[in-house]
Structures are given as C-alpha cells and as structure tokens.
Amino acid sequence: MEIVRVSHKYQVVIPLEIRRAMGITPGQQVQLRQCETHIELVPLQPVSDYRGFLRGIETDIPNDDE
C-alpha cells in the first residue's frame, strides 16, 4: 500500500510502481469513483485498444421467429 500527499492544488502523484503495473501513461484519462469510504482511480483505455477483441466469435446465430 502506497501513501501519497494531496498538494495545495488537490493533486496527487501516482507512484511509479503503480503506474507501471497499471500501464498508466502521461495524459491518459482516469475515472474517479467514490465508494462510500474510499476513492478508486480506474485507468480509461482508448476504444481503439479494444479493436479485434471479438475476433473469431460466431455470428451465425439464428434469430427468433418473432
């Protein structure tokens, strides 16, 4: 567990070890989530990173008669 300090501008620095483990890069957006007693930072990935992730999925599924 890492401890960081909030600056007078309400900024925090994400420690290097966590940035590397999560693949966070400069300028990348993160989502903040308030969860009762804590805050979560979730790195957002560009939509282009998901291109092709369904490659090979079967698309010949019959529709209902309705």
Protein backbone atom coordinates (compact mmCIF):
# COMPACT_ATOMS: atom_id res chain seq x y z
CA MET A 1 0.00 0.00 0.00
CA GLU A 2 1.33 3.39 -1.00
CA ILE A 3 0.71 6.66 0.82
CA VAL A 4 0.64 9.91 -1.16
CA ARG A 5 0.09 13.51 -0.16
CA VAL A 6 -2.56 15.83 -1.59
CA SER A 7 -0.97 19.09 -2.76
CA HIS A 8 -2.40 22.55 -2.10
CA LYS A 9 -3.88 22.28 -5.64
CA TYR A 10 -5.57 18.98 -4.65
CA GLN A 11 -3.21 16.98 -6.87
CA VAL A 12 -1.72 13.58 -6.11
CA VAL A 13 1.17 11.74 -7.75
CA ILE A 14 0.57 8.10 -8.64
CA PRO A 15 3.69 6.18 -7.53
CA LEU A 16 5.92 4.82 -10.31
CA GLU A 17 5.42 1.17 -9.33
CA ILE A 18 1.63 1.52 -9.61
CA ARG A 19 1.85 3.48 -12.89
CA ARG A 20 3.99 0.75 -14.42
CA ALA A 21 1.81 -2.09 -13.13
CA MET A 22 -1.35 -0.44 -14.47
CA GLY A 23 0.21 0.83 -17.70
CA ILE A 24 -0.74 4.44 -16.97
CA THR A 25 0.91 6.94 -19.31
CA PRO A 26 1.18 10.76 -19.25
CA GLY A 27 -2.00 12.41 -20.50
CA GLN A 28 -4.08 9.25 -20.06
CA GLN A 29 -7.51 9.75 -18.53
CA VAL A 30 -8.57 8.01 -15.33
CA GLN A 31 -12.04 7.71 -13.90
CA LEU A 32 -12.59 8.57 -10.23
CA ARG A 33 -15.19 6.60 -8.34
CA GLN A 34 -16.41 7.45 -4.86
CA CYS A 35 -17.12 4.23 -2.96
CA GLU A 36 -18.51 5.06 0.49
CA THR A 37 -15.26 5.49 2.46
CA HIS A 38 -12.64 5.38 -0.32
CA ILE A 39 -11.84 6.64 -3.83
CA GLU A 40 -10.95 4.40 -6.78
CA LEU A 41 -8.91 5.52 -9.80
CA VAL A 42 -9.69 3.46 -12.89
CA PRO A 43 -7.46 3.94 -15.96
CA LEU A 44 -9.52 4.51 -19.11
CA GLN A 45 -8.38 2.82 -22.31
CA PRO A 46 -9.00 4.29 -25.76
CA VAL A 47 -11.69 2.48 -27.76
CA SER A 48 -9.06 1.60 -30.37
CA ASP A 49 -7.42 -0.72 -27.81
CA TYR A 50 -10.49 -2.96 -27.99
CA ARG A 51 -10.43 -3.34 -31.77
CA GLY A 52 -10.46 -7.00 -32.75
CA PHE A 53 -11.01 -8.42 -29.25
CA LEU A 54 -14.04 -10.38 -30.52
CA ARG A 55 -12.17 -11.83 -33.49
CA GLY A 56 -13.33 -15.37 -34.18
CA ILE A 57 -16.68 -15.04 -32.38
CA GLU A 58 -19.53 -16.94 -34.06
CA THR A 59 -22.00 -14.54 -35.68
CA ASP A 60 -24.27 -17.10 -37.41
CA ILE A 61 -26.81 -17.25 -34.60
CA PRO A 62 -30.41 -17.71 -35.83
CA ASN A 63 -32.96 -15.04 -34.87
CA ASP A 64 -36.26 -15.76 -33.17
CA ASP A 65 -39.31 -16.15 -35.41
CA GLU A 66 -40.89 -13.01 -33.98
